[in-house]
PDB file of all heavy atoms in Angstrom:
ATOM      1  N   TYR A   1     -61.177  24.608  85.846  1.00  0.00           N
ATOM      2  CA  TYR A   1     -61.387  24.384  87.266  1.00  0.00           C
ATOM      3  C   TYR A   1     -62.104  25.611  87.815  1.00  0.00           C
ATOM      4  O   TYR A   1     -61.497  26.656  87.985  1.00  0.00           O
ATOM      5  CB  TYR A   1     -60.056  24.208  87.999  1.00  0.00           C
ATOM      6  CG  TYR A   1     -59.211  23.093  87.449  1.00  0.00           C
ATOM      7  CD1 TYR A   1     -58.150  23.355  86.597  1.00  0.00           C
ATOM      8  CD2 TYR A   1     -59.471  21.773  87.791  1.00  0.00           C
ATOM      9  CE1 TYR A   1     -57.369  22.333  86.099  1.00  0.00           C
ATOM     10  CE2 TYR A   1     -58.692  20.746  87.292  1.00  0.00           C
ATOM     11  CZ  TYR A   1     -57.636  21.037  86.458  1.00  0.00           C
ATOM     12  OH  TYR A   1     -56.862  20.026  85.958  1.00  0.00           O
ATOM     13  N   GLY A   2     -63.405  25.475  88.057  1.00  0.00           N
ATOM     14  CA  GLY A   2     -64.177  26.636  88.518  1.00  0.00           C
ATOM     15  C   GLY A   2     -64.157  27.713  87.449  1.00  0.00           C
ATOM     16  O   GLY A   2     -64.587  27.493  86.332  1.00  0.00           O
ATOM     17  N   GLY A   3     -63.620  28.876  87.755  1.00  0.00           N
ATOM     18  CA  GLY A   3     -63.544  29.970  86.785  1.00  0.00           C
ATOM     19  C   GLY A   3     -62.169  30.113  86.169  1.00  0.00           C
ATOM     20  O   GLY A   3     -61.867  31.122  85.538  1.00  0.00           O
ATOM     21  N   THR A   4     -61.296  29.119  86.323  1.00  0.00           N
ATOM     22  CA  THR A   4     -59.933  29.203  85.813  1.00  0.00           C
ATOM     23  C   THR A   4     -59.688  28.152  84.746  1.00  0.00           C
ATOM     24  O   THR A   4     -60.003  26.981  84.940  1.00  0.00           O
ATOM     25  CB  THR A   4     -58.912  28.990  86.958  1.00  0.00           C
ATOM     26  OG1 THR A   4     -59.174  29.935  87.990  1.00  0.00           O
ATOM     27  CG2 THR A   4     -57.492  29.152  86.466  1.00  0.00           C
ATOM     28  N   ALA A   5     -59.141  28.568  83.614  1.00  0.00           N
ATOM     29  CA  ALA A   5     -58.790  27.633  82.543  1.00  0.00           C
ATOM     30  C   ALA A   5     -57.287  27.387  82.585  1.00  0.00           C
ATOM     31  O   ALA A   5     -56.502  28.309  82.727  1.00  0.00           O
ATOM     32  CB  ALA A   5     -59.187  28.189  81.193  1.00  0.00           C
ATOM     33  N   SER A   6     -56.899  26.143  82.473  1.00  0.00           N
ATOM     34  CA  SER A   6     -55.485  25.761  82.456  1.00  0.00           C
ATOM     35  C   SER A   6     -55.171  25.126  81.105  1.00  0.00           C
ATOM     36  O   SER A   6     -55.831  24.171  80.697  1.00  0.00           O
ATOM     37  CB  SER A   6     -55.212  24.756  83.577  1.00  0.00           C
ATOM     38  OG  SER A   6     -53.918  24.226  83.455  1.00  0.00           O
ATOM     39  N   ILE A   7     -54.175  25.666  80.402  1.00  0.00           N
ATOM     40  CA  ILE A   7     -53.771  25.124  79.107  1.00  0.00           C
ATOM     41  C   ILE A   7     -52.288  24.771  79.186  1.00  0.00           C
ATOM     42  O   ILE A   7     -51.469  25.600  79.550  1.00  0.00           O
ATOM     43  CB  ILE A   7     -54.012  26.144  77.980  1.00  0.00           C
ATOM     44  CG1 ILE A   7     -55.498  26.514  77.930  1.00  0.00           C
ATOM     45  CG2 ILE A   7     -53.538  25.589  76.645  1.00  0.00           C
ATOM     46  CD1 ILE A   7     -55.825  27.643  77.009  1.00  0.00           C
ATOM     47  N   VAL A   8     -51.973  23.524  78.849  1.00  0.00           N
ATOM     48  CA  VAL A   8     -50.594  23.043  78.911  1.00  0.00           C
ATOM     49  C   VAL A   8     -50.213  22.520  77.539  1.00  0.00           C
ATOM     50  O   VAL A   8     -50.963  21.776  76.909  1.00  0.00           O
ATOM     51  CB  VAL A   8     -50.440  21.927  79.967  1.00  0.00           C
ATOM     52  CG1 VAL A   8     -49.003  21.455  80.036  1.00  0.00           C
ATOM     53  CG2 VAL A   8     -50.924  22.397  81.323  1.00  0.00           C
ATOM     54  N   ILE A   9     -49.044  22.915  77.046  1.00  0.00           N
ATOM     55  CA  ILE A   9     -48.545  22.463  75.749  1.00  0.00           C
ATOM     56  C   ILE A   9     -47.301  21.621  75.973  1.00  0.00           C
ATOM     57  O   ILE A   9     -46.350  22.065  76.609  1.00  0.00           O
ATOM     58  CB  ILE A   9     -48.224  23.661  74.830  1.00  0.00           C
ATOM     59  CG1 ILE A   9     -49.480  24.513  74.638  1.00  0.00           C
ATOM     60  CG2 ILE A   9     -47.667  23.185  73.497  1.00  0.00           C
ATOM     61  CD1 ILE A   9     -49.251  25.805  73.905  1.00  0.00           C
ATOM     62  N   TYR A  10     -47.329  20.395  75.469  1.00  0.00           N
ATOM     63  CA  TYR A  10     -46.191  19.485  75.565  1.00  0.00           C
ATOM     64  C   TYR A  10     -45.613  19.293  74.171  1.00  0.00           C
ATOM     65  O   TYR A  10     -46.346  19.205  73.196  1.00  0.00           O
ATOM     66  CB  TYR A  10     -46.626  18.103  76.067  1.00  0.00           C
ATOM     67  CG  TYR A  10     -47.283  18.083  77.419  1.00  0.00           C
ATOM     68  CD1 TYR A  10     -48.663  18.174  77.537  1.00  0.00           C
ATOM     69  CD2 TYR A  10     -46.525  17.947  78.569  1.00  0.00           C
ATOM     70  CE1 TYR A  10     -49.279  18.136  78.771  1.00  0.00           C
ATOM     71  CE2 TYR A  10     -47.135  17.910  79.816  1.00  0.00           C
ATOM     72  CZ  TYR A  10     -48.500  18.011  79.905  1.00  0.00           C
ATOM     73  OH  TYR A  10     -49.118  17.973  81.132  1.00  0.00           O
ATOM     74  N   SER A  11     -44.297  19.229  74.063  1.00  0.00           N
ATOM     75  CA  SER A  11     -43.678  18.890  72.782  1.00  0.00           C
ATOM     76  C   SER A  11     -42.454  18.015  73.032  1.00  0.00           C
ATOM     77  O   SER A  11     -41.651  18.285  73.916  1.00  0.00           O
ATOM     78  CB  SER A  11     -43.279  20.149  72.008  1.00  0.00           C
ATOM     79  OG  SER A  11     -42.295  20.871  72.694  1.00  0.00           O
ATOM     80  N   SER A  12     -42.362  16.946  72.265  1.00  0.00           N
ATOM     81  CA  SER A  12     -41.259  16.011  72.419  1.00  0.00           C
ATOM     82  C   SER A  12     -41.303  14.999  71.288  1.00  0.00           C
ATOM     83  O   SER A  12     -42.339  14.760  70.687  1.00  0.00           O
ATOM     84  CB  SER A  12     -41.355  15.289  73.760  1.00  0.00           C
ATOM     85  OG  SER A  12     -40.385  14.270  73.850  1.00  0.00           O
ATOM     86  N   GLU A  13     -40.191  14.409  71.006  1.00  0.00           N
ATOM     87  CA  GLU A  13     -40.142  13.328  70.018  1.00  0.00           C
ATOM     88  C   GLU A  13     -40.703  12.034  70.604  1.00  0.00           C
ATOM     89  O   GLU A  13     -41.102  11.148  69.881  1.00  0.00           O
ATOM     90  CB  GLU A  13     -38.696  13.091  69.559  1.00  0.00           C
ATOM     91  CG  GLU A  13     -38.082  14.241  68.791  1.00  0.00           C
ATOM     92  CD  GLU A  13     -38.776  14.499  67.463  1.00  0.00           C
ATOM     93  OE1 GLU A  13     -39.335  13.556  66.881  1.00  0.00           O
ATOM     94  OE2 GLU A  13     -38.753  15.650  67.014  1.00  0.00           O
ATOM     95  N   ASP A  14     -40.740  11.935  71.934  1.00  0.00           N
ATOM     96  CA  ASP A  14     -41.133  10.691  72.601  1.00  0.00           C
ATOM     97  C   ASP A  14     -42.591  10.657  73.052  1.00  0.00           C
ATOM     98  O   ASP A  14     -42.987   9.717  73.740  1.00  0.00           O
ATOM     99  CB  ASP A  14     -40.243  10.456  73.824  1.00  0.00           C
ATOM    100  CG  ASP A  14     -38.786  10.287  73.427  1.00  0.00           C
ATOM    101  OD1 ASP A  14     -38.533   9.770  72.327  1.00  0.00           O
ATOM    102  OD2 ASP A  14     -37.905  10.673  74.220  1.00  0.00           O
ATOM    103  N   LEU A  15     -43.385  11.640  72.689  1.00  0.00           N
ATOM    104  CA  LEU A  15     -44.786  11.637  73.105  1.00  0.00           C
ATOM    105  C   LEU A  15     -45.530  10.482  72.450  1.00  0.00           C
ATOM    106  O   LEU A  15     -45.392  10.220  71.271  1.00  0.00           O
ATOM    107  CB  LEU A  15     -45.485  12.941  72.706  1.00  0.00           C
ATOM    108  CG  LEU A  15     -45.236  14.146  73.591  1.00  0.00           C
ATOM    109  CD1 LEU A  15     -45.921  15.361  72.994  1.00  0.00           C
ATOM    110  CD2 LEU A  15     -45.741  13.910  74.989  1.00  0.00           C
ATOM    111  N   LYS A  16     -46.316   9.790  73.249  1.00  0.00           N
ATOM    112  CA  LYS A  16     -47.174   8.726  72.740  1.00  0.00           C
ATOM    113  C   LYS A  16     -48.577   9.308  72.654  1.00  0.00           C
ATOM    114  O   LYS A  16     -49.284   9.411  73.651  1.00  0.00           O
ATOM    115  CB  LYS A  16     -47.156   7.526  73.681  1.00  0.00           C
ATOM    116  CG  LYS A  16     -45.777   6.968  73.946  1.00  0.00           C
ATOM    117  CD  LYS A  16     -45.380   5.997  72.867  1.00  0.00           C
ATOM    118  CE  LYS A  16     -44.160   5.219  73.224  1.00  0.00           C
ATOM    119  NZ  LYS A  16     -42.912   5.851  72.910  1.00  0.00           N
ATOM    120  N   ILE A  17     -48.997   9.694  71.479  1.00  0.00           N
ATOM    121  CA  ILE A  17     -50.274  10.369  71.299  1.00  0.00           C
ATOM    122  C   ILE A  17     -51.224   9.483  70.513  1.00  0.00           C
ATOM    123  O   ILE A  17     -50.868   8.932  69.486  1.00  0.00           O
ATOM    124  CB  ILE A  17     -50.089  11.703  70.533  1.00  0.00           C
ATOM    125  CG1 ILE A  17     -49.165  12.627  71.321  1.00  0.00           C
ATOM    126  CG2 ILE A  17     -51.424  12.381  70.296  1.00  0.00           C
ATOM    127  CD1 ILE A  17     -48.808  13.888  70.580  1.00  0.00           C
ATOM    128  N   SER A  18     -52.435   9.352  71.033  1.00  0.00           N
ATOM    129  CA  SER A  18     -53.482   8.683  70.273  1.00  0.00           C
ATOM    130  C   SER A  18     -54.591   9.716  70.060  1.00  0.00           C
ATOM    131  O   SER A  18     -55.302  10.076  70.993  1.00  0.00           O
ATOM    132  CB  SER A  18     -54.010   7.467  71.015  1.00  0.00           C
ATOM    133  OG  SER A  18     -54.432   7.815  72.301  1.00  0.00           O
ATOM    134  N   PRO A  19     -54.711  10.231  68.832  1.00  0.00           N
ATOM    135  CA  PRO A  19     -55.694  11.282  68.559  1.00  0.00           C
ATOM    136  C   PRO A  19     -57.120  10.813  68.837  1.00  0.00           C
ATOM    137  O   PRO A  19     -57.462   9.657  68.624  1.00  0.00           O
ATOM    138  CB  PRO A  19     -55.520  11.573  67.068  1.00  0.00           C
ATOM    139  CG  PRO A  19     -54.209  10.994  66.700  1.00  0.00           C
ATOM    140  CD  PRO A  19     -53.947   9.874  67.661  1.00  0.00           C
ATOM    141  N   ARG A  20     -57.928  11.730  69.351  1.00  0.00           N
ATOM    142  CA  ARG A  20     -59.337  11.441  69.591  1.00  0.00           C
ATOM    143  C   ARG A  20     -60.142  11.864  68.371  1.00  0.00           C
ATOM    144  O   ARG A  20     -59.797  12.819  67.694  1.00  0.00           O
ATOM    145  CB  ARG A  20     -59.843  12.205  70.804  1.00  0.00           C
ATOM    146  CG  ARG A  20     -59.188  11.753  72.074  1.00  0.00           C
ATOM    147  CD  ARG A  20     -59.849  12.374  73.264  1.00  0.00           C
ATOM    148  NE  ARG A  20     -59.703  13.835  73.233  1.00  0.00           N
ATOM    149  CZ  ARG A  20     -60.261  14.652  74.097  1.00  0.00           C
ATOM    150  NH1 ARG A  20     -61.018  14.179  75.048  1.00  0.00           N
ATOM    151  NH2 ARG A  20     -60.070  15.951  74.006  1.00  0.00           N
ATOM    152  N   LYS A  21     -61.208  11.138  68.106  1.00  0.00           N
ATOM    153  CA  LYS A  21     -62.099  11.520  67.018  1.00  0.00           C
ATOM    154  C   LYS A  21     -63.117  12.520  67.564  1.00  0.00           C
ATOM    155  O   LYS A  21     -63.838  12.222  68.506  1.00  0.00           O
ATOM    156  CB  LYS A  21     -62.809  10.311  66.436  1.00  0.00           C
ATOM    157  CG  LYS A  21     -61.868   9.382  65.709  1.00  0.00           C
ATOM    158  CD  LYS A  21     -62.615   8.282  65.014  1.00  0.00           C
ATOM    159  CE  LYS A  21     -61.622   7.428  64.235  1.00  0.00           C
ATOM    160  NZ  LYS A  21     -62.268   6.435  63.419  1.00  0.00           N
ATOM    161  N   VAL A  22     -63.131  13.692  66.986  1.00  0.00           N
ATOM    162  CA  VAL A  22     -64.054  14.748  67.391  1.00  0.00           C
ATOM    163  C   VAL A  22     -65.043  14.950  66.255  1.00  0.00           C
ATOM    164  O   VAL A  22     -64.638  15.166  65.112  1.00  0.00           O
ATOM    165  CB  VAL A  22     -63.301  16.063  67.690  1.00  0.00           C
ATOM    166  CG1 VAL A  22     -64.267  17.165  68.079  1.00  0.00           C
ATOM    167  CG2 VAL A  22     -62.260  15.833  68.771  1.00  0.00           C
ATOM    168  N   PRO A  23     -66.347  14.888  66.531  1.00  0.00           N
ATOM    169  CA  PRO A  23     -67.316  15.055  65.457  1.00  0.00           C
ATOM    170  C   PRO A  23     -67.267  16.465  64.877  1.00  0.00           C
ATOM    171  O   PRO A  23     -66.944  17.416  65.577  1.00  0.00           O
ATOM    172  CB  PRO A  23     -68.660  14.785  66.124  1.00  0.00           C
ATOM    173  CG  PRO A  23     -68.428  14.946  67.576  1.00  0.00           C
ATOM    174  CD  PRO A  23     -66.978  14.659  67.819  1.00  0.00           C
ATOM    175  N   SER A  24     -67.577  16.576  63.608  1.00  0.00           N
ATOM    176  CA  SER A  24     -67.603  17.880  62.951  1.00  0.00           C
ATOM    177  C   SER A  24     -68.757  18.706  63.498  1.00  0.00           C
ATOM    178  O   SER A  24     -69.779  18.177  63.925  1.00  0.00           O
ATOM    179  CB  SER A  24     -67.792  17.703  61.448  1.00  0.00           C
ATOM    180  OG  SER A  24     -66.724  16.985  60.902  1.00  0.00           O
ATOM    181  N   ALA A  25     -68.575  20.017  63.447  1.00  0.00           N
ATOM    182  CA  ALA A  25     -69.637  20.926  63.883  1.00  0.00           C
ATOM    183  C   ALA A  25     -70.751  20.927  62.845  1.00  0.00           C
ATOM    184  O   ALA A  25     -70.518  20.763  61.650  1.00  0.00           O
ATOM    185  CB  ALA A  25     -69.078  22.329  64.058  1.00  0.00           C
ATOM    186  N   SER A  26     -71.955  21.131  63.308  1.00  0.00           N
ATOM    187  CA  SER A  26     -73.101  21.181  62.420  1.00  0.00           C
ATOM    188  C   SER A  26     -73.139  22.514  61.692  1.00  0.00           C
ATOM    189  O   SER A  26     -72.814  23.554  62.245  1.00  0.00           O
ATOM    190  CB  SER A  26     -74.387  21.008  63.231  1.00  0.00           C
ATOM    191  OG  SER A  26     -75.510  21.225  62.414  1.00  0.00           O
ATOM    192  N   PHE A  27     -73.522  22.493  60.427  1.00  0.00           N
ATOM    193  CA  PHE A  27     -73.662  23.723  59.667  1.00  0.00           C
ATOM    194  C   PHE A  27     -75.026  24.373  59.941  1.00  0.00           C
ATOM    195  O   PHE A  27     -75.242  25.531  59.635  1.00  0.00           O
ATOM    196  CB  PHE A  27     -73.517  23.459  58.170  1.00  0.00           C
ATOM    197  CG  PHE A  27     -72.102  23.144  57.795  1.00  0.00           C
ATOM    198  CD1 PHE A  27     -71.729  21.845  57.491  1.00  0.00           C
ATOM    199  CD2 PHE A  27     -71.138  24.129  57.754  1.00  0.00           C
ATOM    200  CE1 PHE A  27     -70.427  21.547  57.151  1.00  0.00           C
ATOM    201  CE2 PHE A  27     -69.830  23.841  57.418  1.00  0.00           C
ATOM    202  CZ  PHE A  27     -69.475  22.547  57.109  1.00  0.00           C
ATOM    203  N   LYS A  28     -75.945  23.595  60.517  1.00  0.00           N
ATOM    204  CA  LYS A  28     -77.280  24.102  60.781  1.00  0.00           C
ATOM    205  C   LYS A  28     -77.313  24.730  62.177  1.00  0.00           C
ATOM    206  O   LYS A  28     -76.917  24.110  63.157  1.00  0.00           O
ATOM    207  CB  LYS A  28     -78.290  22.958  60.705  1.00  0.00           C
ATOM    208  CG  LYS A  28     -79.707  23.380  60.951  1.00  0.00           C
ATOM    209  CD  LYS A  28     -80.643  22.180  60.868  1.00  0.00           C
ATOM    210  CE  LYS A  28     -82.063  22.601  61.208  1.00  0.00           C
ATOM    211  NZ  LYS A  28     -82.958  21.452  61.266  1.00  0.00           N
ATOM    212  N   LEU A  29     -77.798  25.975  62.263  1.00  0.00           N
ATOM    213  CA  LEU A  29     -77.905  26.639  63.546  1.00  0.00           C
ATOM    214  C   LEU A  29     -79.122  26.104  64.300  1.00  0.00           C
ATOM    215  O   LEU A  29     -80.118  25.735  63.686  1.00  0.00           O
ATOM    216  CB  LEU A  29     -78.065  28.149  63.346  1.00  0.00           C
ATOM    217  CG  LEU A  29     -76.858  28.865  62.746  1.00  0.00           C
ATOM    218  CD1 LEU A  29     -77.195  30.328  62.503  1.00  0.00           C
ATOM    219  CD2 LEU A  29     -75.666  28.750  63.666  1.00  0.00           C
ATOM    220  N   PRO A  30     -79.038  26.064  65.626  1.00  0.00           N
ATOM    221  CA  PRO A  30     -80.197  25.603  66.385  1.00  0.00           C
ATOM    222  C   PRO A  30     -81.360  26.572  66.224  1.00  0.00           C
ATOM    223  O   PRO A  30     -81.165  27.761  66.001  1.00  0.00           O
ATOM    224  CB  PRO A  30     -79.708  25.577  67.834  1.00  0.00           C
ATOM    225  CG  PRO A  30     -78.415  26.267  67.851  1.00  0.00           C
ATOM    226  CD  PRO A  30     -77.922  26.399  66.459  1.00  0.00           C
ATOM    227  N   GLU A  31     -82.578  26.046  66.345  1.00  0.00           N
ATOM    228  CA  GLU A  31     -83.751  26.895  66.227  1.00  0.00           C
ATOM    229  C   GLU A  31     -83.861  27.797  67.447  1.00  0.00           C
ATOM    230  O   GLU A  31     -83.538  27.406  68.565  1.00  0.00           O
ATOM    231  CB  GLU A  31     -85.008  26.036  66.102  1.00  0.00           C
ATOM    232  CG  GLU A  31     -85.066  25.264  64.802  1.00  0.00           C
ATOM    233  CD  GLU A  31     -86.361  24.489  64.670  1.00  0.00           C
ATOM    234  OE1 GLU A  31     -87.360  24.868  65.322  1.00  0.00           O
ATOM    235  OE2 GLU A  31     -86.365  23.504  63.920  1.00  0.00           O
ATOM    236  N   LYS A  32     -84.318  29.035  67.213  1.00  0.00           N
ATOM    237  CA  LYS A  32     -84.472  29.991  68.286  1.00  0.00           C
ATOM    238  C   LYS A  32     -85.682  29.606  69.123  1.00  0.00           C
ATOM    239  O   LYS A  32     -86.750  29.327  68.588  1.00  0.00           O
ATOM    240  CB  LYS A  32     -84.653  31.393  67.702  1.00  0.00           C
ATOM    241  CG  LYS A  32     -84.693  32.474  68.741  1.00  0.00           C
ATOM    242  CD  LYS A  32     -84.756  33.835  68.083  1.00  0.00           C
ATOM    243  CE  LYS A  32     -84.796  34.925  69.120  1.00  0.00           C
ATOM    244  NZ  LYS A  32     -84.858  36.259  68.519  1.00  0.00           N
ATOM    245  N   GLU A  33     -85.502  29.588  70.449  1.00  0.00           N
ATOM    246  CA  GLU A  33     -86.596  29.253  71.344  1.00  0.00           C
ATOM    247  C   GLU A  33     -87.160  30.516  71.955  1.00  0.00           C
ATOM    248  O   GLU A  33     -86.422  31.393  72.376  1.00  0.00           O
ATOM    249  CB  GLU A  33     -86.111  28.318  72.454  1.00  0.00           C
ATOM    250  CG  GLU A  33     -85.694  26.957  71.946  1.00  0.00           C
ATOM    251  CD  GLU A  33     -85.328  26.025  73.076  1.00  0.00           C
ATOM    252  OE1 GLU A  33     -85.768  26.255  74.220  1.00  0.00           O
ATOM    253  OE2 GLU A  33     -84.591  25.073  72.817  1.00  0.00           O
ATOM    254  N   SER A  34     -88.460  30.595  72.018  1.00  0.00           N
ATOM    255  CA  SER A  34     -89.128  31.748  72.605  1.00  0.00           C
ATOM    256  C   SER A  34     -89.128  31.612  74.121  1.00  0.00           C
ATOM    257  O   SER A  34     -89.461  30.568  74.668  1.00  0.00           O
ATOM    258  CB  SER A  34     -90.554  31.837  72.083  1.00  0.00           C
ATOM    259  OG  SER A  34     -91.227  32.882  72.742  1.00  0.00           O
ATOM    260  N   MET A  35     -88.750  32.690  74.796  1.00  0.00           N
ATOM    261  CA  MET A  35     -88.737  32.704  76.254  1.00  0.00           C
ATOM    262  C   MET A  35     -89.932  33.470  76.807  1.00  0.00           C
ATOM    263  O   MET A  35     -89.957  33.859  77.945  1.00  0.00           O
ATOM    264  CB  MET A  35     -87.437  33.342  76.756  1.00  0.00           C
ATOM    265  CG  MET A  35     -86.190  32.590  76.345  1.00  0.00           C
ATOM    266  SD  MET A  35     -86.116  30.930  77.031  1.00  0.00           S
ATOM    267  CE  MET A  35     -85.812  31.301  78.723  1.00  0.00           C
ATOM    268  N   GLY A  36     -90.923  33.767  75.981  1.00  0.00           N
ATOM    269  CA  GLY A  36     -92.085  34.524  76.411  1.00  0.00           C
ATOM    270  C   GLY A  36     -91.948  35.973  75.996  1.00  0.00           C
ATOM    271  O   GLY A  36     -90.948  36.392  75.429  1.00  0.00           O
ATOM    272  N   SER A  37     -92.953  36.749  76.291  1.00  0.00           N
ATOM    273  CA  SER A  37     -92.936  38.158  75.893  1.00  0.00           C
ATOM    274  C   SER A  37     -92.004  38.960  76.791  1.00  0.00           C
ATOM    275  O   SER A  37     -91.667  38.555  77.899  1.00  0.00           O
ATOM    276  CB  SER A  37     -94.343  38.745  75.930  1.00  0.00           C
ATOM    277  OG  SER A  37     -94.781  38.795  77.280  1.00  0.00           O
ATOM    278  N   GLU A  38     -91.609  40.122  76.307  1.00  0.00           N
ATOM    279  CA  GLU A  38     -90.720  41.006  77.072  1.00  0.00           C
ATOM    280  C   GLU A  38     -91.350  41.427  78.392  1.00  0.00           C
ATOM    281  O   GLU A  38     -90.677  41.614  79.376  1.00  0.00           O
ATOM    282  CB  GLU A  38     -90.391  42.248  76.227  1.00  0.00           C
ATOM    283  CG  GLU A  38     -89.522  41.973  75.022  1.00  0.00           C
ATOM    284  CD  GLU A  38     -88.082  41.628  75.432  1.00  0.00           C
ATOM    285  OE1 GLU A  38     -87.595  42.157  76.437  1.00  0.00           O
ATOM    286  OE2 GLU A  38     -87.483  40.824  74.723  1.00  0.00           O
TER     287      GLU A  38
END
């Protein structure tokens, strides 16, 4: 929220969790883009 991060951890035997599929990170680094001369 703006410049503040909120992290909440829940733990319980009764949690109904449906995991999300998160794509794997790419092993290839993005190409460097030139921003012009110094």
